[in-house]
N, C-alpha and C. Protein backbone atom coordinates (compact mmCIF):
# COMPACT_ATOMS: atom_id res chain seq x y z
N UNK A 1 4.17 -5.51 -4.54
CA UNK A 1 5.17 -6.14 -3.70
C UNK A 1 5.30 -5.36 -2.40
N UNK A 2 5.40 -6.11 -1.31
CA UNK A 2 5.61 -5.50 0.00
C UNK A 2 6.87 -6.09 0.60
N UNK A 3 7.80 -5.23 0.97
CA UNK A 3 8.96 -5.68 1.72
C UNK A 3 8.52 -5.79 3.17
N UNK A 4 8.58 -6.99 3.72
CA UNK A 4 8.12 -7.24 5.08
C UNK A 4 9.24 -7.18 6.10
N UNK A 5 10.48 -7.39 5.65
CA UNK A 5 11.64 -7.34 6.54
C UNK A 5 12.87 -7.02 5.71
N UNK A 6 13.74 -6.21 6.26
CA UNK A 6 14.99 -5.85 5.57
C UNK A 6 16.11 -5.75 6.59
N UNK A 7 17.22 -6.42 6.33
CA UNK A 7 18.42 -6.28 7.15
C UNK A 7 19.63 -6.32 6.23
N UNK A 8 20.79 -6.20 6.80
CA UNK A 8 22.01 -6.30 5.98
C UNK A 8 22.23 -7.71 5.46
N UNK A 9 21.67 -8.71 6.15
CA UNK A 9 21.90 -10.10 5.80
C UNK A 9 20.90 -10.66 4.79
N UNK A 10 19.63 -10.25 4.92
CA UNK A 10 18.60 -10.78 4.03
C UNK A 10 17.36 -9.90 4.10
N UNK A 11 16.47 -10.11 3.13
CA UNK A 11 15.19 -9.41 3.13
C UNK A 11 14.09 -10.43 2.86
N UNK A 12 12.87 -10.06 3.24
CA UNK A 12 11.70 -10.90 3.00
C UNK A 12 10.64 -10.05 2.35
N UNK A 13 10.06 -10.55 1.26
CA UNK A 13 8.96 -9.84 0.61
C UNK A 13 7.94 -10.83 0.08
N UNK A 14 6.83 -10.28 -0.40
CA UNK A 14 5.74 -11.12 -0.89
C UNK A 14 5.51 -10.97 -2.39
N UNK A 15 6.54 -10.57 -3.13
CA UNK A 15 6.42 -10.40 -4.58
C UNK A 15 6.47 -11.77 -5.26
N UNK A 16 5.35 -12.23 -5.82
CA UNK A 16 5.35 -13.55 -6.45
C UNK A 16 6.26 -13.62 -7.69
N UNK A 17 6.53 -12.48 -8.30
CA UNK A 17 7.38 -12.46 -9.49
C UNK A 17 8.84 -12.79 -9.17
N UNK A 18 9.25 -12.58 -7.93
CA UNK A 18 10.63 -12.85 -7.54
C UNK A 18 10.88 -14.29 -7.12
N UNK A 19 9.81 -15.04 -6.87
CA UNK A 19 9.97 -16.42 -6.40
C UNK A 19 10.70 -17.26 -7.46
N UNK A 20 11.70 -17.97 -7.02
CA UNK A 20 12.47 -18.85 -7.90
C UNK A 20 11.83 -20.24 -7.84
N UNK A 21 10.97 -20.51 -8.81
CA UNK A 21 10.20 -21.75 -8.81
C UNK A 21 11.09 -22.99 -8.87
N UNK A 22 12.18 -22.91 -9.61
CA UNK A 22 13.09 -24.05 -9.71
C UNK A 22 13.72 -24.37 -8.36
N UNK A 23 14.14 -23.35 -7.62
CA UNK A 23 14.74 -23.56 -6.30
C UNK A 23 13.71 -24.11 -5.33
N UNK A 24 12.50 -23.56 -5.36
CA UNK A 24 11.44 -24.04 -4.47
C UNK A 24 11.14 -25.51 -4.77
N UNK A 25 10.94 -25.83 -6.03
CA UNK A 25 10.64 -27.21 -6.41
C UNK A 25 11.79 -28.14 -6.03
N UNK A 26 13.01 -27.73 -6.31
CA UNK A 26 14.15 -28.57 -5.98
C UNK A 26 14.23 -28.85 -4.49
N UNK A 27 14.05 -27.82 -3.66
CA UNK A 27 14.09 -28.06 -2.21
C UNK A 27 12.98 -29.01 -1.80
N UNK A 28 11.78 -28.76 -2.26
CA UNK A 28 10.64 -29.59 -1.83
C UNK A 28 10.84 -31.06 -2.19
N UNK A 29 11.33 -31.35 -3.38
CA UNK A 29 11.44 -32.75 -3.79
C UNK A 29 12.73 -33.42 -3.32
N UNK A 30 13.78 -32.64 -3.06
CA UNK A 30 15.06 -33.23 -2.68
C UNK A 30 15.37 -33.13 -1.18
N UNK A 31 14.90 -32.09 -0.52
CA UNK A 31 15.31 -31.84 0.85
C UNK A 31 14.18 -31.86 1.87
N UNK A 32 12.94 -31.81 1.44
CA UNK A 32 11.84 -31.82 2.41
C UNK A 32 11.42 -33.26 2.68
N UNK A 33 10.74 -33.45 3.81
CA UNK A 33 10.17 -34.76 4.11
C UNK A 33 8.69 -34.80 3.75
N UNK A 34 8.12 -33.67 3.37
CA UNK A 34 6.67 -33.60 3.19
C UNK A 34 6.23 -33.46 1.73
N UNK A 35 7.13 -33.20 0.80
CA UNK A 35 6.69 -32.92 -0.58
C UNK A 35 7.60 -33.57 -1.62
N UNK A 36 8.14 -34.71 -1.32
CA UNK A 36 9.13 -35.31 -2.20
C UNK A 36 8.59 -35.74 -3.56
N UNK A 37 7.31 -35.93 -3.67
CA UNK A 37 6.73 -36.35 -4.96
C UNK A 37 5.99 -35.23 -5.67
N UNK A 38 6.13 -34.02 -5.20
CA UNK A 38 5.41 -32.89 -5.79
C UNK A 38 6.00 -32.53 -7.15
N UNK A 39 5.14 -32.39 -8.12
CA UNK A 39 5.61 -32.01 -9.46
C UNK A 39 5.78 -30.50 -9.56
N UNK A 40 6.50 -30.06 -10.57
CA UNK A 40 6.66 -28.62 -10.80
C UNK A 40 5.29 -27.98 -11.05
N UNK A 41 4.42 -28.65 -11.75
CA UNK A 41 3.08 -28.12 -12.02
C UNK A 41 2.31 -27.93 -10.71
N UNK A 42 2.45 -28.86 -9.78
CA UNK A 42 1.79 -28.73 -8.49
C UNK A 42 2.37 -27.58 -7.68
N UNK A 43 3.67 -27.39 -7.74
CA UNK A 43 4.31 -26.27 -7.05
C UNK A 43 3.78 -24.95 -7.61
N UNK A 44 3.74 -24.84 -8.92
CA UNK A 44 3.25 -23.62 -9.57
C UNK A 44 1.80 -23.35 -9.17
N UNK A 45 0.96 -24.37 -9.22
CA UNK A 45 -0.46 -24.21 -8.90
C UNK A 45 -0.65 -23.85 -7.43
N UNK A 46 0.12 -24.47 -6.53
CA UNK A 46 -0.02 -24.18 -5.10
C UNK A 46 0.41 -22.75 -4.79
N UNK A 47 1.45 -22.29 -5.43
CA UNK A 47 1.91 -20.91 -5.22
C UNK A 47 0.89 -19.93 -5.77
N UNK A 48 0.34 -20.24 -6.92
CA UNK A 48 -0.65 -19.37 -7.56
C UNK A 48 -1.85 -19.11 -6.65
N UNK A 49 -2.22 -20.12 -5.85
CA UNK A 49 -3.42 -20.02 -5.03
C UNK A 49 -3.11 -19.81 -3.54
N UNK A 50 -1.92 -19.29 -3.23
CA UNK A 50 -1.51 -19.08 -1.85
C UNK A 50 -0.84 -17.72 -1.72
N UNK A 51 -0.69 -17.30 -0.48
CA UNK A 51 0.10 -16.11 -0.17
C UNK A 51 1.50 -16.60 0.18
N UNK A 52 2.51 -16.13 -0.53
CA UNK A 52 3.86 -16.66 -0.37
C UNK A 52 4.85 -15.57 0.00
N UNK A 53 5.83 -15.96 0.80
CA UNK A 53 6.92 -15.08 1.17
C UNK A 53 8.23 -15.69 0.70
N UNK A 54 9.11 -14.83 0.21
CA UNK A 54 10.43 -15.27 -0.18
C UNK A 54 11.47 -14.51 0.62
N UNK A 55 12.53 -15.20 1.01
CA UNK A 55 13.67 -14.57 1.69
C UNK A 55 14.83 -14.55 0.70
N UNK A 56 15.52 -13.40 0.64
CA UNK A 56 16.55 -13.20 -0.37
C UNK A 56 17.80 -12.59 0.24
N UNK A 57 18.96 -13.01 -0.25
CA UNK A 57 20.22 -12.38 0.13
C UNK A 57 20.33 -11.04 -0.59
N UNK A 58 21.15 -10.12 -0.08
CA UNK A 58 21.29 -8.81 -0.74
C UNK A 58 21.72 -8.91 -2.21
N UNK A 59 22.55 -9.89 -2.52
CA UNK A 59 23.00 -10.07 -3.91
C UNK A 59 21.94 -10.74 -4.78
N UNK A 60 20.83 -11.11 -4.18
CA UNK A 60 19.76 -11.78 -4.92
C UNK A 60 19.79 -13.27 -4.67
N UNK A 61 18.79 -13.94 -5.12
CA UNK A 61 18.68 -15.37 -4.96
C UNK A 61 17.82 -15.75 -3.76
N UNK A 62 16.83 -16.57 -4.01
CA UNK A 62 15.92 -17.03 -2.97
C UNK A 62 16.65 -18.00 -2.04
N UNK A 63 16.57 -17.76 -0.73
CA UNK A 63 17.19 -18.65 0.26
C UNK A 63 16.19 -19.16 1.28
N UNK A 64 14.96 -18.65 1.26
CA UNK A 64 13.92 -19.11 2.17
C UNK A 64 12.56 -18.89 1.56
N UNK A 65 11.58 -19.63 2.06
CA UNK A 65 10.25 -19.61 1.47
C UNK A 65 9.23 -20.01 2.51
N UNK A 66 8.04 -19.46 2.41
CA UNK A 66 6.89 -19.88 3.22
C UNK A 66 5.63 -19.67 2.40
N UNK A 67 4.71 -20.60 2.52
CA UNK A 67 3.44 -20.52 1.80
C UNK A 67 2.32 -20.57 2.81
N UNK A 68 1.32 -19.70 2.62
CA UNK A 68 0.18 -19.63 3.53
C UNK A 68 -1.10 -19.81 2.70
N UNK A 69 -1.90 -20.78 3.08
CA UNK A 69 -3.19 -21.01 2.46
C UNK A 69 -4.22 -20.41 3.41
N UNK A 70 -5.01 -19.45 2.93
CA UNK A 70 -5.90 -18.74 3.85
C UNK A 70 -7.13 -18.17 3.16
N UNK A 71 -8.16 -17.94 3.98
CA UNK A 71 -9.33 -17.19 3.52
C UNK A 71 -9.23 -15.73 3.98
N UNK A 72 -8.16 -15.37 4.68
CA UNK A 72 -7.86 -14.03 5.18
C UNK A 72 -8.83 -13.57 6.26
N UNK A 73 -9.64 -14.48 6.78
CA UNK A 73 -10.63 -14.10 7.78
C UNK A 73 -10.66 -15.02 8.98
N UNK A 74 -10.80 -16.32 8.74
CA UNK A 74 -10.99 -17.25 9.86
C UNK A 74 -9.93 -18.33 9.97
N UNK A 75 -9.19 -18.59 8.88
CA UNK A 75 -8.29 -19.73 8.89
C UNK A 75 -7.08 -19.48 8.01
N UNK A 76 -5.93 -19.95 8.47
CA UNK A 76 -4.71 -19.95 7.65
C UNK A 76 -3.88 -21.17 7.99
N UNK A 77 -3.30 -21.76 6.97
CA UNK A 77 -2.44 -22.92 7.12
C UNK A 77 -1.06 -22.55 6.60
N UNK A 78 -0.06 -22.64 7.46
CA UNK A 78 1.32 -22.34 7.10
C UNK A 78 1.96 -23.62 6.61
N UNK A 79 2.57 -23.57 5.42
CA UNK A 79 3.15 -24.79 4.88
C UNK A 79 4.36 -24.48 4.00
N UNK A 80 5.08 -25.51 3.65
CA UNK A 80 6.24 -25.41 2.75
C UNK A 80 7.27 -24.39 3.22
N UNK A 81 7.45 -24.29 4.53
CA UNK A 81 8.43 -23.35 5.08
C UNK A 81 9.81 -24.00 5.02
N UNK A 82 10.77 -23.29 4.44
CA UNK A 82 12.14 -23.81 4.43
C UNK A 82 13.15 -22.69 4.30
N UNK A 83 14.37 -23.01 4.71
CA UNK A 83 15.54 -22.16 4.51
C UNK A 83 16.60 -23.07 3.92
N UNK A 84 17.25 -22.63 2.86
CA UNK A 84 18.30 -23.44 2.25
C UNK A 84 19.43 -23.70 3.25
N UNK A 85 19.98 -24.89 3.19
CA UNK A 85 20.98 -25.33 4.17
C UNK A 85 22.13 -24.34 4.32
N UNK A 86 22.62 -23.80 3.22
CA UNK A 86 23.80 -22.94 3.29
C UNK A 86 23.54 -21.60 3.96
N UNK A 87 22.28 -21.26 4.21
CA UNK A 87 21.97 -19.97 4.85
C UNK A 87 21.25 -20.14 6.19
N UNK A 88 21.23 -21.34 6.70
CA UNK A 88 20.62 -21.56 8.02
C UNK A 88 21.50 -20.95 9.10
N UNK A 89 20.89 -20.54 10.19
CA UNK A 89 21.62 -19.94 11.29
C UNK A 89 21.67 -18.42 11.24
N UNK A 90 21.05 -17.82 10.22
CA UNK A 90 21.03 -16.36 10.09
C UNK A 90 19.74 -15.76 10.64
N UNK A 91 18.80 -16.60 11.10
CA UNK A 91 17.53 -16.11 11.61
C UNK A 91 16.46 -15.98 10.54
N UNK A 92 16.69 -16.54 9.37
CA UNK A 92 15.74 -16.41 8.26
C UNK A 92 14.43 -17.12 8.57
N UNK A 93 14.49 -18.34 9.07
CA UNK A 93 13.26 -19.08 9.40
C UNK A 93 12.46 -18.37 10.46
N UNK A 94 13.13 -17.90 11.48
CA UNK A 94 12.46 -17.18 12.56
C UNK A 94 11.80 -15.91 12.02
N UNK A 95 12.47 -15.21 11.14
CA UNK A 95 11.91 -13.97 10.60
C UNK A 95 10.76 -14.26 9.63
N UNK A 96 10.83 -15.35 8.89
CA UNK A 96 9.69 -15.73 8.05
C UNK A 96 8.44 -15.94 8.89
N UNK A 97 8.58 -16.68 10.00
CA UNK A 97 7.43 -16.92 10.87
C UNK A 97 6.96 -15.60 11.49
N UNK A 98 7.89 -14.75 11.91
CA UNK A 98 7.51 -13.45 12.48
C UNK A 98 6.72 -12.64 11.47
N UNK A 99 7.15 -12.64 10.21
CA UNK A 99 6.43 -11.89 9.18
C UNK A 99 5.01 -12.41 8.99
N UNK A 100 4.84 -13.72 9.14
CA UNK A 100 3.50 -14.30 9.00
C UNK A 100 2.62 -13.90 10.17
N UNK A 101 3.07 -14.14 11.39
CA UNK A 101 2.21 -13.90 12.55
C UNK A 101 2.00 -12.41 12.83
N UNK A 102 2.87 -11.55 12.33
CA UNK A 102 2.72 -10.11 12.53
C UNK A 102 2.07 -9.41 11.34
N UNK A 103 1.81 -10.15 10.28
CA UNK A 103 1.21 -9.55 9.07
C UNK A 103 -0.15 -8.95 9.43
N UNK A 104 -0.42 -7.72 9.03
CA UNK A 104 -1.68 -7.06 9.41
C UNK A 104 -2.93 -7.84 9.02
N UNK A 105 -2.88 -8.58 7.91
CA UNK A 105 -4.04 -9.33 7.45
C UNK A 105 -4.10 -10.75 7.99
N UNK A 106 -3.08 -11.18 8.72
CA UNK A 106 -3.06 -12.54 9.26
C UNK A 106 -3.07 -12.58 10.78
N UNK A 107 -2.60 -11.52 11.42
CA UNK A 107 -2.39 -11.59 12.87
C UNK A 107 -3.66 -11.75 13.69
N UNK A 108 -4.82 -11.43 13.15
CA UNK A 108 -6.07 -11.57 13.90
C UNK A 108 -6.90 -12.78 13.48
N UNK A 109 -6.35 -13.61 12.63
CA UNK A 109 -7.07 -14.82 12.23
C UNK A 109 -7.17 -15.76 13.43
N UNK A 110 -8.35 -16.28 13.63
CA UNK A 110 -8.60 -17.10 14.82
C UNK A 110 -7.81 -18.40 14.83
N UNK A 111 -7.73 -19.07 13.70
CA UNK A 111 -7.07 -20.38 13.66
C UNK A 111 -5.94 -20.35 12.62
N UNK A 112 -4.72 -20.28 13.14
CA UNK A 112 -3.50 -20.31 12.32
C UNK A 112 -2.83 -21.64 12.64
N UNK A 113 -2.70 -22.52 11.65
CA UNK A 113 -2.25 -23.88 11.90
C UNK A 113 -1.07 -24.25 11.01
N UNK A 114 -0.39 -25.30 11.42
CA UNK A 114 0.71 -25.86 10.65
C UNK A 114 0.98 -27.27 11.14
N UNK A 115 1.81 -27.97 10.42
CA UNK A 115 2.28 -29.28 10.85
C UNK A 115 3.79 -29.29 10.71
N UNK A 116 4.46 -29.86 11.69
CA UNK A 116 5.92 -29.98 11.63
C UNK A 116 6.36 -31.25 12.32
N UNK A 117 7.42 -31.80 11.84
CA UNK A 117 8.00 -32.98 12.46
C UNK A 117 9.21 -32.61 13.30
N UNK A 118 9.82 -31.44 13.02
CA UNK A 118 11.10 -31.16 13.66
C UNK A 118 11.34 -29.70 14.05
N UNK A 119 10.36 -28.83 13.89
CA UNK A 119 10.60 -27.40 14.17
C UNK A 119 9.67 -26.85 15.25
N UNK A 120 9.28 -27.69 16.19
CA UNK A 120 8.36 -27.27 17.24
C UNK A 120 8.88 -26.07 18.03
N UNK A 121 10.16 -26.07 18.36
CA UNK A 121 10.72 -24.98 19.16
C UNK A 121 10.65 -23.64 18.43
N UNK A 122 10.86 -23.65 17.13
CA UNK A 122 10.74 -22.42 16.34
C UNK A 122 9.34 -21.86 16.47
N UNK A 123 8.33 -22.66 16.22
CA UNK A 123 6.96 -22.18 16.20
C UNK A 123 6.43 -21.86 17.60
N UNK A 124 6.90 -22.58 18.60
CA UNK A 124 6.46 -22.30 19.97
C UNK A 124 6.87 -20.89 20.41
N UNK A 125 7.94 -20.35 19.87
CA UNK A 125 8.36 -18.98 20.18
C UNK A 125 7.30 -17.96 19.76
N UNK A 126 6.43 -18.36 18.85
CA UNK A 126 5.40 -17.46 18.32
C UNK A 126 4.00 -17.84 18.80
N UNK A 127 3.93 -18.63 19.85
CA UNK A 127 2.64 -18.95 20.45
C UNK A 127 1.96 -20.20 19.93
N UNK A 128 2.58 -20.93 19.04
CA UNK A 128 1.99 -22.17 18.55
C UNK A 128 2.14 -23.25 19.63
N UNK A 129 1.11 -24.05 19.78
CA UNK A 129 1.13 -25.14 20.76
C UNK A 129 0.75 -26.44 20.05
N UNK A 130 1.18 -27.53 20.63
CA UNK A 130 0.79 -28.83 20.11
C UNK A 130 -0.69 -29.02 20.43
N UNK A 131 -1.44 -29.47 19.47
CA UNK A 131 -2.89 -29.63 19.60
C UNK A 131 -3.24 -30.44 20.83
N UNK A 132 -4.10 -29.87 21.67
CA UNK A 132 -4.53 -30.55 22.90
C UNK A 132 -5.32 -31.81 22.59
N UNK A 133 -6.14 -31.75 21.58
CA UNK A 133 -7.01 -32.87 21.25
C UNK A 133 -6.77 -33.27 19.79
N UNK A 134 -5.74 -34.08 19.55
CA UNK A 134 -5.46 -34.46 18.17
C UNK A 134 -6.59 -35.26 17.53
N UNK A 135 -7.49 -35.79 18.35
CA UNK A 135 -8.62 -36.54 17.79
C UNK A 135 -9.61 -35.64 17.08
N UNK A 136 -9.50 -34.32 17.29
CA UNK A 136 -10.41 -33.41 16.60
C UNK A 136 -9.93 -33.08 15.19
N UNK A 137 -8.68 -33.39 14.88
CA UNK A 137 -8.13 -33.14 13.57
C UNK A 137 -8.37 -34.35 12.70
N UNK A 138 -8.90 -34.11 11.52
CA UNK A 138 -9.15 -35.20 10.58
C UNK A 138 -8.49 -34.86 9.26
N UNK A 139 -8.22 -35.86 8.47
CA UNK A 139 -7.66 -35.62 7.14
C UNK A 139 -8.16 -36.69 6.18
N UNK A 140 -8.11 -36.33 4.94
CA UNK A 140 -8.36 -37.28 3.85
C UNK A 140 -7.13 -37.21 2.98
N UNK A 141 -6.36 -38.25 2.93
CA UNK A 141 -5.09 -38.26 2.22
C UNK A 141 -5.25 -38.95 0.87
N UNK A 142 -4.78 -38.27 -0.17
CA UNK A 142 -4.85 -38.82 -1.52
C UNK A 142 -3.46 -38.79 -2.13
N UNK A 143 -2.70 -39.88 -2.00
CA UNK A 143 -1.32 -39.88 -2.51
C UNK A 143 -1.30 -39.81 -4.02
């Protein structure tokens, strides 16, 4: 486990044993716009095969989460980033992104990507830009 950030208000670490799978699953299916049909088994499998960060209050309890899919060399995809509604406004989301882009094993990756519908201003603070040529991005969607 590595503590990536610590303050009086919250901490962020990468200990997979501390992740509250029920809270993560509940947020994704009830409060996200991107993962409403994700099963608990899919959440478990995606976490197992990703680098994940959890944000926690001093008294305990997961209040924020970020998942990074990466080869640790050329590419990383930031996904499933959230902060629980009751703890928004404390800088948790901003610090989660800072921990990702400043991580020693991620900061030199050539292509760090994500998709967002509503958090452009957050990510732009860290150098993310809207893709100049969206026609170069392709996907195969399997609902």
